[in-house]
């Protein structure tokens, strides 16, 4: 899942944009199946869940923070805010890209 923000740089006066990617971990199987079935690339959705952060060190010994959005049965939910525009050529559903979405099961 991606989040985006945009702002005007006060020093240069130019419009800037930043996009961050997040891993979504669903511990509720039924909610996960519904999410994969209903959501498509480009949709705006609201996800209510817990944040879980991990400190990761890569092969070059550079530390970085990895943040997951965890959905479980305790007050976590999602809402589709705006569906993407319909195009002649449809892109694959999130369910067809399972490597981008994982459940809590091992």
PDB file of N, CA and C in Angstrom:
ATOM      1  N   UNK A   1       0.846  -1.162   0.000  1.00  0.00           N
ATOM      2  CA  UNK A   1       0.000   0.000   0.000  1.00  0.00           C
ATOM      3  C   UNK A   1       0.894   1.229   0.000  1.00  0.00           C
ATOM      4  N   UNK A   2       0.498   2.259  -0.687  1.00  0.00           N
ATOM      5  CA  UNK A   2       1.282   3.493  -0.759  1.00  0.00           C
ATOM      6  C   UNK A   2       0.502   4.652  -0.148  1.00  0.00           C
ATOM      7  N   UNK A   3       1.235   5.543   0.509  1.00  0.00           N
ATOM      8  CA  UNK A   3       0.659   6.808   0.956  1.00  0.00           C
ATOM      9  C   UNK A   3       1.449   7.922   0.290  1.00  0.00           C
ATOM     10  N   UNK A   4       0.761   8.978  -0.074  1.00  0.00           N
ATOM     11  CA  UNK A   4       1.400  10.104  -0.754  1.00  0.00           C
ATOM     12  C   UNK A   4       1.071  11.398  -0.030  1.00  0.00           C
ATOM     13  N   UNK A   5       2.009  12.323  -0.091  1.00  0.00           N
ATOM     14  CA  UNK A   5       1.755  13.672   0.406  1.00  0.00           C
ATOM     15  C   UNK A   5       2.417  14.649  -0.550  1.00  0.00           C
ATOM     16  N   UNK A   6       1.836  15.832  -0.665  1.00  0.00           N
ATOM     17  CA  UNK A   6       2.410  16.858  -1.537  1.00  0.00           C
ATOM     18  C   UNK A   6       2.352  18.198  -0.811  1.00  0.00           C
ATOM     19  N   UNK A   7       3.321  19.054  -1.137  1.00  0.00           N
ATOM     20  CA  UNK A   7       3.426  20.348  -0.510  1.00  0.00           C
ATOM     21  C   UNK A   7       4.189  21.297  -1.429  1.00  0.00           C
ATOM     22  N   UNK A   8       4.112  22.592  -1.110  1.00  0.00           N
ATOM     23  CA  UNK A   8       4.876  23.600  -1.843  1.00  0.00           C
ATOM     24  C   UNK A   8       6.134  23.927  -1.049  1.00  0.00           C
ATOM     25  N   UNK A   9       7.279  23.809  -1.697  1.00  0.00           N
ATOM     26  CA  UNK A   9       8.552  24.132  -1.071  1.00  0.00           C
ATOM     27  C   UNK A   9       8.652  25.651  -0.925  1.00  0.00           C
ATOM     28  N   UNK A  10       8.842  26.129   0.292  1.00  0.00           N
ATOM     29  CA  UNK A  10       8.849  27.577   0.535  1.00  0.00           C
ATOM     30  C   UNK A  10      10.096  28.249  -0.018  1.00  0.00           C
ATOM     31  N   UNK A  11      11.210  27.534  -0.093  1.00  0.00           N
ATOM     32  CA  UNK A  11      12.436  28.162  -0.580  1.00  0.00           C
ATOM     33  C   UNK A  11      12.458  28.252  -2.101  1.00  0.00           C
ATOM     34  N   UNK A  12      12.007  27.192  -2.787  1.00  0.00           N
ATOM     35  CA  UNK A  12      12.034  27.180  -4.248  1.00  0.00           C
ATOM     36  C   UNK A  12      10.694  27.531  -4.881  1.00  0.00           C
ATOM     37  N   UNK A  13       9.617  27.425  -4.105  1.00  0.00           N
ATOM     38  CA  UNK A  13       8.287  27.704  -4.624  1.00  0.00           C
ATOM     39  C   UNK A  13       7.743  26.606  -5.527  1.00  0.00           C
ATOM     40  N   UNK A  14       8.402  25.467  -5.546  1.00  0.00           N
ATOM     41  CA  UNK A  14       7.966  24.349  -6.395  1.00  0.00           C
ATOM     42  C   UNK A  14       7.113  23.370  -5.596  1.00  0.00           C
ATOM     43  N   UNK A  15       6.251  22.683  -6.325  1.00  0.00           N
ATOM     44  CA  UNK A  15       5.405  21.657  -5.733  1.00  0.00           C
ATOM     45  C   UNK A  15       6.237  20.386  -5.580  1.00  0.00           C
ATOM     46  N   UNK A  16       6.237  19.787  -4.396  1.00  0.00           N
ATOM     47  CA  UNK A  16       6.994  18.568  -4.124  1.00  0.00           C
ATOM     48  C   UNK A  16       6.020  17.463  -3.725  1.00  0.00           C
ATOM     49  N   UNK A  17       6.447  16.230  -3.920  1.00  0.00           N
ATOM     50  CA  UNK A  17       5.603  15.085  -3.577  1.00  0.00           C
ATOM     51  C   UNK A  17       6.482  13.973  -3.019  1.00  0.00           C
ATOM     52  N   UNK A  18       5.955  13.254  -2.033  1.00  0.00           N
ATOM     53  CA  UNK A  18       6.655  12.121  -1.448  1.00  0.00           C
ATOM     54  C   UNK A  18       5.681  10.938  -1.348  1.00  0.00           C
ATOM     55  N   UNK A  19       6.157   9.772  -1.725  1.00  0.00           N
ATOM     56  CA  UNK A  19       5.345   8.557  -1.647  1.00  0.00           C
ATOM     57  C   UNK A  19       6.084   7.538  -0.781  1.00  0.00           C
ATOM     58  N   UNK A  20       5.359   6.909   0.134  1.00  0.00           N
ATOM     59  CA  UNK A  20       5.930   5.877   0.986  1.00  0.00           C
ATOM     60  C   UNK A  20       5.105   4.604   0.826  1.00  0.00           C
ATOM     61  N   UNK A  21       5.789   3.466   0.887  1.00  0.00           N
ATOM     62  CA  UNK A  21       5.140   2.158   0.734  1.00  0.00           C
ATOM     63  C   UNK A  21       5.074   1.466   2.080  1.00  0.00           C
ATOM     64  N   UNK A  22       3.957   0.789   2.332  1.00  0.00           N
ATOM     65  CA  UNK A  22       3.730   0.112   3.607  1.00  0.00           C
ATOM     66  C   UNK A  22       3.294  -1.334   3.348  1.00  0.00           C
ATOM     67  N   UNK A  23       3.742  -2.218   4.196  1.00  0.00           N
ATOM     68  CA  UNK A  23       3.304  -3.609   4.158  1.00  0.00           C
ATOM     69  C   UNK A  23       2.038  -3.723   5.000  1.00  0.00           C
ATOM     70  N   UNK A  24       1.021  -4.392   4.490  1.00  0.00           N
ATOM     71  CA  UNK A  24      -0.218  -4.628   5.232  1.00  0.00           C
ATOM     72  C   UNK A  24      -0.230  -6.090   5.655  1.00  0.00           C
ATOM     73  N   UNK A  25      -0.360  -6.322   6.964  1.00  0.00           N
ATOM     74  CA  UNK A  25      -0.399  -7.680   7.510  1.00  0.00           C
ATOM     75  C   UNK A  25      -1.788  -7.879   8.102  1.00  0.00           C
ATOM     76  N   UNK A  26      -2.508  -8.861   7.591  1.00  0.00           N
ATOM     77  CA  UNK A  26      -3.874  -9.115   8.055  1.00  0.00           C
ATOM     78  C   UNK A  26      -3.912 -10.413   8.849  1.00  0.00           C
ATOM     79  N   UNK A  27      -4.263 -10.321  10.127  1.00  0.00           N
ATOM     80  CA  UNK A  27      -4.348 -11.493  10.987  1.00  0.00           C
ATOM     81  C   UNK A  27      -5.753 -12.092  10.998  1.00  0.00           C
ATOM     82  N   UNK A  28      -6.714 -11.370  10.451  1.00  0.00           N
ATOM     83  CA  UNK A  28      -8.090 -11.839  10.335  1.00  0.00           C
ATOM     84  C   UNK A  28      -8.277 -12.341   8.900  1.00  0.00           C
ATOM     85  N   UNK A  29      -8.374 -13.656   8.730  1.00  0.00           N
ATOM     86  CA  UNK A  29      -8.424 -14.252   7.395  1.00  0.00           C
ATOM     87  C   UNK A  29      -9.598 -13.752   6.568  1.00  0.00           C
ATOM     88  N   UNK A  30     -10.762 -13.630   7.189  1.00  0.00           N
ATOM     89  CA  UNK A  30     -11.955 -13.176   6.462  1.00  0.00           C
ATOM     90  C   UNK A  30     -11.796 -11.740   5.976  1.00  0.00           C
ATOM     91  N   UNK A  31     -11.253 -10.874   6.832  1.00  0.00           N
ATOM     92  CA  UNK A  31     -11.014  -9.481   6.446  1.00  0.00           C
ATOM     93  C   UNK A  31      -9.971  -9.415   5.336  1.00  0.00           C
ATOM     94  N   UNK A  32      -8.921 -10.230   5.423  1.00  0.00           N
ATOM     95  CA  UNK A  32      -7.890 -10.260   4.392  1.00  0.00           C
ATOM     96  C   UNK A  32      -8.426 -10.684   3.038  1.00  0.00           C
ATOM     97  N   UNK A  33      -9.273 -11.713   3.024  1.00  0.00           N
ATOM     98  CA  UNK A  33      -9.866 -12.169   1.767  1.00  0.00           C
ATOM     99  C   UNK A  33     -10.759 -11.088   1.162  1.00  0.00           C
ATOM    100  N   UNK A  34     -11.515 -10.388   2.002  1.00  0.00           N
ATOM    101  CA  UNK A  34     -12.380  -9.314   1.521  1.00  0.00           C
ATOM    102  C   UNK A  34     -11.546  -8.170   0.947  1.00  0.00           C
ATOM    103  N   UNK A  35     -10.478  -7.814   1.631  1.00  0.00           N
ATOM    104  CA  UNK A  35      -9.592  -6.756   1.152  1.00  0.00           C
ATOM    105  C   UNK A  35      -9.007  -7.115  -0.210  1.00  0.00           C
ATOM    106  N   UNK A  36      -8.497  -8.327  -0.367  1.00  0.00           N
ATOM    107  CA  UNK A  36      -7.890  -8.738  -1.630  1.00  0.00           C
ATOM    108  C   UNK A  36      -8.911  -8.799  -2.760  1.00  0.00           C
ATOM    109  N   UNK A  37     -10.141  -9.159  -2.443  1.00  0.00           N
ATOM    110  CA  UNK A  37     -11.181  -9.283  -3.457  1.00  0.00           C
ATOM    111  C   UNK A  37     -11.721  -7.918  -3.906  1.00  0.00           C
ATOM    112  N   UNK A  38     -11.816  -6.965  -2.986  1.00  0.00           N
ATOM    113  CA  UNK A  38     -12.478  -5.696  -3.294  1.00  0.00           C
ATOM    114  C   UNK A  38     -11.553  -4.570  -3.733  1.00  0.00           C
ATOM    115  N   UNK A  39     -10.285  -4.607  -3.344  1.00  0.00           N
ATOM    116  CA  UNK A  39      -9.375  -3.489  -3.612  1.00  0.00           C
ATOM    117  C   UNK A  39      -8.549  -3.719  -4.865  1.00  0.00           C
ATOM    118  N   UNK A  40      -8.335  -2.654  -5.602  1.00  0.00           N
ATOM    119  CA  UNK A  40      -7.557  -2.681  -6.832  1.00  0.00           C
ATOM    120  C   UNK A  40      -6.510  -1.576  -6.774  1.00  0.00           C
ATOM    121  N   UNK A  41      -5.523  -1.700  -7.608  1.00  0.00           N
ATOM    122  CA  UNK A  41      -4.483  -0.687  -7.703  1.00  0.00           C
ATOM    123  C   UNK A  41      -5.115   0.648  -8.099  1.00  0.00           C
ATOM    124  N   UNK A  42      -4.722   1.713  -7.421  1.00  0.00           N
ATOM    125  CA  UNK A  42      -5.224   3.038  -7.732  1.00  0.00           C
ATOM    126  C   UNK A  42      -6.426   3.478  -6.911  1.00  0.00           C
ATOM    127  N   UNK A  43      -7.018   2.591  -6.134  1.00  0.00           N
ATOM    128  CA  UNK A  43      -8.151   2.962  -5.293  1.00  0.00           C
ATOM    129  C   UNK A  43      -7.656   3.710  -4.063  1.00  0.00           C
ATOM    130  N   UNK A  44      -8.468   4.624  -3.571  1.00  0.00           N
ATOM    131  CA  UNK A  44      -8.167   5.283  -2.309  1.00  0.00           C
ATOM    132  C   UNK A  44      -8.947   4.567  -1.226  1.00  0.00           C
ATOM    133  N   UNK A  45      -8.227   4.060  -0.229  1.00  0.00           N
ATOM    134  CA  UNK A  45      -8.873   3.341   0.864  1.00  0.00           C
ATOM    135  C   UNK A  45      -8.375   3.887   2.197  1.00  0.00           C
ATOM    136  N   UNK A  46      -9.199   3.708   3.210  1.00  0.00           N
ATOM    137  CA  UNK A  46      -8.855   4.063   4.579  1.00  0.00           C
ATOM    138  C   UNK A  46      -8.688   2.760   5.337  1.00  0.00           C
ATOM    139  N   UNK A  47      -7.523   2.556   5.928  1.00  0.00           N
ATOM    140  CA  UNK A  47      -7.276   1.350   6.707  1.00  0.00           C
ATOM    141  C   UNK A  47      -7.095   1.753   8.159  1.00  0.00           C
ATOM    142  N   UNK A  48      -7.863   1.108   9.036  1.00  0.00           N
ATOM    143  CA  UNK A  48      -7.735   1.328  10.477  1.00  0.00           C
ATOM    144  C   UNK A  48      -7.079   0.089  11.068  1.00  0.00           C
ATOM    145  N   UNK A  49      -5.900   0.267  11.627  1.00  0.00           N
ATOM    146  CA  UNK A  49      -5.172  -0.855  12.212  1.00  0.00           C
ATOM    147  C   UNK A  49      -4.087  -0.353  13.141  1.00  0.00           C
ATOM    148  N   UNK A  50      -3.251  -1.279  13.582  1.00  0.00           N
ATOM    149  CA  UNK A  50      -2.135  -0.935  14.457  1.00  0.00           C
ATOM    150  C   UNK A  50      -0.867  -0.822  13.615  1.00  0.00           C
ATOM    151  N   UNK A  51       0.034   0.048  14.021  1.00  0.00           N
ATOM    152  CA  UNK A  51       1.330   0.143  13.365  1.00  0.00           C
ATOM    153  C   UNK A  51       2.328  -0.696  14.156  1.00  0.00           C
ATOM    154  N   UNK A  52       3.140  -1.448  13.423  1.00  0.00           N
ATOM    155  CA  UNK A  52       4.189  -2.257  14.049  1.00  0.00           C
ATOM    156  C   UNK A  52       5.481  -1.959  13.298  1.00  0.00           C
ATOM    157  N   UNK A  53       6.474  -1.464  14.019  1.00  0.00           N
ATOM    158  CA  UNK A  53       7.734  -1.081  13.395  1.00  0.00           C
ATOM    159  C   UNK A  53       8.834  -2.081  13.698  1.00  0.00           C
ATOM    160  N   UNK A  54       9.738  -2.240  12.757  1.00  0.00           N
ATOM    161  CA  UNK A  54      10.890  -3.124  12.902  1.00  0.00           C
ATOM    162  C   UNK A  54      12.131  -2.360  12.474  1.00  0.00           C
ATOM    163  N   UNK A  55      13.219  -2.553  13.184  1.00  0.00           N
ATOM    164  CA  UNK A  55      14.497  -2.006  12.763  1.00  0.00           C
ATOM    165  C   UNK A  55      15.209  -3.075  11.956  1.00  0.00           C
ATOM    166  N   UNK A  56      15.594  -2.750  10.739  1.00  0.00           N
ATOM    167  CA  UNK A  56      16.217  -3.703   9.819  1.00  0.00           C
ATOM    168  C   UNK A  56      17.591  -3.173   9.444  1.00  0.00           C
ATOM    169  N   UNK A  57      18.567  -4.084   9.365  1.00  0.00           N
ATOM    170  CA  UNK A  57      19.906  -3.724   8.914  1.00  0.00           C
ATOM    171  C   UNK A  57      20.155  -4.473   7.614  1.00  0.00           C
ATOM    172  N   UNK A  58      20.452  -3.730   6.532  1.00  0.00           N
ATOM    173  CA  UNK A  58      20.658  -4.378   5.241  1.00  0.00           C
ATOM    174  C   UNK A  58      22.091  -4.920   5.120  1.00  0.00           C
ATOM    175  N   UNK A  59      22.434  -5.468   3.968  1.00  0.00           N
ATOM    176  CA  UNK A  59      23.736  -6.078   3.740  1.00  0.00           C
ATOM    177  C   UNK A  59      24.904  -5.113   3.872  1.00  0.00           C
ATOM    178  N   UNK A  60      24.661  -3.834   3.689  1.00  0.00           N
ATOM    179  CA  UNK A  60      25.711  -2.811   3.815  1.00  0.00           C
ATOM    180  C   UNK A  60      25.752  -2.231   5.226  1.00  0.00           C
ATOM    181  N   UNK A  61      25.067  -2.901   6.154  1.00  0.00           N
ATOM    182  CA  UNK A  61      25.002  -2.484   7.555  1.00  0.00           C
ATOM    183  C   UNK A  61      24.340  -1.115   7.738  1.00  0.00           C
ATOM    184  N   UNK A  62      23.409  -0.778   6.842  1.00  0.00           N
ATOM    185  CA  UNK A  62      22.656   0.466   6.933  1.00  0.00           C
ATOM    186  C   UNK A  62      21.321   0.178   7.630  1.00  0.00           C
ATOM    187  N   UNK A  63      21.057   0.805   8.784  1.00  0.00           N
ATOM    188  CA  UNK A  63      19.778   0.567   9.474  1.00  0.00           C
ATOM    189  C   UNK A  63      18.651   1.386   8.849  1.00  0.00           C
ATOM    190  N   UNK A  64      17.475   0.806   8.782  1.00  0.00           N
ATOM    191  CA  UNK A  64      16.283   1.520   8.339  1.00  0.00           C
ATOM    192  C   UNK A  64      15.078   0.916   9.041  1.00  0.00           C
ATOM    193  N   UNK A  65      14.007   1.691   9.112  1.00  0.00           N
ATOM    194  CA  UNK A  65      12.800   1.274   9.816  1.00  0.00           C
ATOM    195  C   UNK A  65      11.789   0.722   8.825  1.00  0.00           C
ATOM    196  N   UNK A  66      11.212  -0.408   9.141  1.00  0.00           N
ATOM    197  CA  UNK A  66      10.193  -1.070   8.334  1.00  0.00           C
ATOM    198  C   UNK A  66       8.902  -1.016   9.135  1.00  0.00           C
ATOM    199  N   UNK A  67       7.866  -0.388   8.580  1.00  0.00           N
ATOM    200  CA  UNK A  67       6.598  -0.239   9.290  1.00  0.00           C
ATOM    201  C   UNK A  67       5.512  -1.057   8.606  1.00  0.00           C
ATOM    202  N   UNK A  68       4.787  -1.841   9.403  1.00  0.00           N
ATOM    203  CA  UNK A  68       3.656  -2.633   8.902  1.00  0.00           C
ATOM    204  C   UNK A  68       2.366  -2.055   9.465  1.00  0.00           C
ATOM    205  N   UNK A  69       1.297  -2.180   8.697  1.00  0.00           N
ATOM    206  CA  UNK A  69      -0.047  -1.873   9.185  1.00  0.00           C
ATOM    207  C   UNK A  69      -0.697  -3.216   9.481  1.00  0.00           C
ATOM    208  N   UNK A  70      -1.009  -3.472  10.749  1.00  0.00           N
ATOM    209  CA  UNK A  70      -1.524  -4.762  11.178  1.00  0.00           C
ATOM    210  C   UNK A  70      -3.030  -4.683  11.358  1.00  0.00           C
ATOM    211  N   UNK A  71      -3.746  -5.565  10.673  1.00  0.00           N
ATOM    212  CA  UNK A  71      -5.203  -5.663  10.803  1.00  0.00           C
ATOM    213  C   UNK A  71      -5.526  -6.964  11.519  1.00  0.00           C
ATOM    214  N   UNK A  72      -6.270  -6.870  12.589  1.00  0.00           N
ATOM    215  CA  UNK A  72      -6.745  -8.059  13.290  1.00  0.00           C
ATOM    216  C   UNK A  72      -8.217  -7.857  13.605  1.00  0.00           C
ATOM    217  N   UNK A  73      -8.776  -8.682  14.433  1.00  0.00           N
ATOM    218  CA  UNK A  73     -10.215  -8.601  14.700  1.00  0.00           C
ATOM    219  C   UNK A  73     -10.566  -7.550  15.748  1.00  0.00           C
ATOM    220  N   UNK A  74      -9.593  -6.844  16.310  1.00  0.00           N
ATOM    221  CA  UNK A  74      -9.851  -5.869  17.375  1.00  0.00           C
ATOM    222  C   UNK A  74      -9.978  -4.451  16.836  1.00  0.00           C
ATOM    223  N   UNK A  75     -11.114  -4.101  16.295  1.00  0.00           N
ATOM    224  CA  UNK A  75     -11.379  -2.733  15.870  1.00  0.00           C
ATOM    225  C   UNK A  75     -10.687  -2.312  14.588  1.00  0.00           C
ATOM    226  N   UNK A  76     -10.168  -3.245  13.824  1.00  0.00           N
ATOM    227  CA  UNK A  76      -9.491  -2.917  12.576  1.00  0.00           C
ATOM    228  C   UNK A  76     -10.456  -3.111  11.418  1.00  0.00           C
ATOM    229  N   UNK A  77     -10.385  -2.201  10.448  1.00  0.00           N
ATOM    230  CA  UNK A  77     -11.318  -2.260   9.336  1.00  0.00           C
ATOM    231  C   UNK A  77     -10.760  -1.463   8.168  1.00  0.00           C
ATOM    232  N   UNK A  78     -11.442  -1.532   7.029  1.00  0.00           N
ATOM    233  CA  UNK A  78     -11.065  -0.710   5.887  1.00  0.00           C
ATOM    234  C   UNK A  78     -12.320  -0.165   5.238  1.00  0.00           C
ATOM    235  N   UNK A  79     -12.171   0.994   4.593  1.00  0.00           N
ATOM    236  CA  UNK A  79     -13.262   1.644   3.890  1.00  0.00           C
ATOM    237  C   UNK A  79     -12.746   2.100   2.537  1.00  0.00           C
ATOM    238  N   UNK A  80     -13.491   1.801   1.480  1.00  0.00           N
ATOM    239  CA  UNK A  80     -13.122   2.288   0.155  1.00  0.00           C
ATOM    240  C   UNK A  80     -13.627   3.721   0.049  1.00  0.00           C
ATOM    241  N   UNK A  81     -12.700   4.667  -0.106  1.00  0.00           N
ATOM    242  CA  UNK A  81     -13.063   6.081  -0.174  1.00  0.00           C
ATOM    243  C   UNK A  81     -13.425   6.498  -1.585  1.00  0.00           C
ATOM    244  N   UNK A  82     -12.611   6.064  -2.559  1.00  0.00           N
ATOM    245  CA  UNK A  82     -12.880   6.436  -3.939  1.00  0.00           C
ATOM    246  C   UNK A  82     -12.297   5.372  -4.850  1.00  0.00           C
ATOM    247  N   UNK A  83     -13.147   4.837  -5.701  1.00  0.00           N
ATOM    248  CA  UNK A  83     -12.686   3.841  -6.664  1.00  0.00           C
ATOM    249  C   UNK A  83     -11.932   4.549  -7.777  1.00  0.00           C
ATOM    250  N   UNK A  84     -11.002   3.838  -8.386  1.00  0.00           N
ATOM    251  CA  UNK A  84     -10.238   4.439  -9.485  1.00  0.00           C
ATOM    252  C   UNK A  84     -11.125   4.579 -10.702  1.00  0.00           C
ATOM    253  N   UNK A  85     -10.710   5.389 -11.649  1.00  0.00           N
ATOM    254  CA  UNK A  85     -11.479   5.581 -12.877  1.00  0.00           C
ATOM    255  C   UNK A  85     -11.445   4.305 -13.704  1.00  0.00           C
ATOM    256  N   UNK A  86     -12.545   3.993 -14.334  1.00  0.00           N
ATOM    257  CA  UNK A  86     -12.616   2.809 -15.182  1.00  0.00           C
ATOM    258  C   UNK A  86     -11.838   3.055 -16.461  1.00  0.00           C
ATOM    259  N   UNK A  87     -11.026   2.101 -16.853  1.00  0.00           N
ATOM    260  CA  UNK A  87     -10.279   2.184 -18.091  1.00  0.00           C
ATOM    261  C   UNK A  87     -10.613   0.990 -18.961  1.00  0.00           C
ATOM    262  N   UNK A  88     -10.262   1.095 -20.217  1.00  0.00           N
ATOM    263  CA  UNK A  88     -10.535  -0.009 -21.138  1.00  0.00           C
ATOM    264  C   UNK A  88      -9.721  -1.249 -20.774  1.00  0.00           C
ATOM    265  N   UNK A  89      -8.519  -1.038 -20.263  1.00  0.00           N
ATOM    266  CA  UNK A  89      -7.666  -2.167 -19.908  1.00  0.00           C
ATOM    267  C   UNK A  89      -7.547  -2.222 -18.396  1.00  0.00           C
ATOM    268  N   UNK A  90      -8.101  -3.263 -17.791  1.00  0.00           N
ATOM    269  CA  UNK A  90      -8.087  -3.404 -16.336  1.00  0.00           C
ATOM    270  C   UNK A  90      -6.772  -3.989 -15.874  1.00  0.00           C
ATOM    271  N   UNK A  91      -6.306  -3.515 -14.747  1.00  0.00           N
ATOM    272  CA  UNK A  91      -5.093  -4.060 -14.151  1.00  0.00           C
ATOM    273  C   UNK A  91      -5.458  -5.205 -13.226  1.00  0.00           C
ATOM    274  N   UNK A  92      -4.513  -6.098 -12.918  1.00  0.00           N
ATOM    275  CA  UNK A  92      -4.820  -7.239 -12.059  1.00  0.00           C
ATOM    276  C   UNK A  92      -5.207  -6.804 -10.648  1.00  0.00           C
ATOM    277  N   UNK A  93      -6.029  -7.596 -10.024  1.00  0.00           N
ATOM    278  CA  UNK A  93      -6.477  -7.319  -8.665  1.00  0.00           C
ATOM    279  C   UNK A  93      -5.319  -7.533  -7.699  1.00  0.00           C
ATOM    280  N   UNK A  94      -5.475  -6.961  -6.498  1.00  0.00           N
ATOM    281  CA  UNK A  94      -4.462  -7.145  -5.462  1.00  0.00           C
ATOM    282  C   UNK A  94      -4.291  -8.631  -5.164  1.00  0.00           C
ATOM    283  N   UNK A  95      -5.360  -9.393  -5.238  1.00  0.00           N
ATOM    284  CA  UNK A  95      -5.288 -10.817  -4.935  1.00  0.00           C
ATOM    285  C   UNK A  95      -4.348 -11.557  -5.880  1.00  0.00           C
ATOM    286  N   UNK A  96      -4.125 -11.043  -7.073  1.00  0.00           N
ATOM    287  CA  UNK A  96      -3.210 -11.683  -8.011  1.00  0.00           C
ATOM    288  C   UNK A  96      -1.756 -11.317  -7.751  1.00  0.00           C
ATOM    289  N   UNK A  97      -1.509 -10.413  -6.817  1.00  0.00           N
ATOM    290  CA  UNK A  97      -0.152 -10.024  -6.468  1.00  0.00           C
ATOM    291  C   UNK A  97       0.059 -10.315  -4.991  1.00  0.00           C
ATOM    292  N   UNK A  98      -0.060 -11.548  -4.587  1.00  0.00           N
ATOM    293  CA  UNK A  98      -0.036 -11.925  -3.175  1.00  0.00           C
ATOM    294  C   UNK A  98       1.270 -11.569  -2.472  1.00  0.00           C
ATOM    295  N   UNK A  99       2.352 -11.385  -3.202  1.00  0.00           N
ATOM    296  CA  UNK A  99       3.607 -11.020  -2.557  1.00  0.00           C
ATOM    297  C   UNK A  99       3.557  -9.620  -1.955  1.00  0.00           C
ATOM    298  N   UNK A 100       2.603  -8.802  -2.326  1.00  0.00           N
ATOM    299  CA  UNK A 100       2.459  -7.462  -1.771  1.00  0.00           C
ATOM    300  C   UNK A 100       1.556  -7.460  -0.536  1.00  0.00           C
ATOM    301  N   UNK A 101       0.903  -8.564  -0.256  1.00  0.00           N
ATOM    302  CA  UNK A 101      -0.056  -8.636   0.829  1.00  0.00           C
ATOM    303  C   UNK A 101       0.115  -9.979   1.511  1.00  0.00           C
ATOM    304  N   UNK A 102       0.288 -10.018   2.794  1.00  0.00           N
ATOM    305  CA  UNK A 102       0.434 -11.302   3.453  1.00  0.00           C
ATOM    306  C   UNK A 102      -0.448 -11.375   4.680  1.00  0.00           C
ATOM    307  N   UNK A 103      -0.844 -12.572   5.008  1.00  0.00           N
ATOM    308  CA  UNK A 103      -1.643 -12.773   6.211  1.00  0.00           C
ATOM    309  C   UNK A 103      -0.701 -13.118   7.350  1.00  0.00           C
ATOM    310  N   UNK A 104      -1.215 -13.154   8.541  1.00  0.00           N
ATOM    311  CA  UNK A 104      -0.401 -13.456   9.700  1.00  0.00           C
ATOM    312  C   UNK A 104      -0.038 -14.915   9.818  1.00  0.00           C
ATOM    313  N   UNK A 105      -0.630 -15.781   9.005  1.00  0.00           N
ATOM    314  CA  UNK A 105      -0.341 -17.208   9.061  1.00  0.00           C
ATOM    315  C   UNK A 105       1.043 -17.487   8.512  1.00  0.00           C
ATOM    316  N   UNK A 106       1.694 -18.477   9.064  1.00  0.00           N
ATOM    317  CA  UNK A 106       3.019 -18.866   8.569  1.00  0.00           C
ATOM    318  C   UNK A 106       2.941 -20.125   7.756  1.00  0.00           C
TER     319      UNK A 106
END
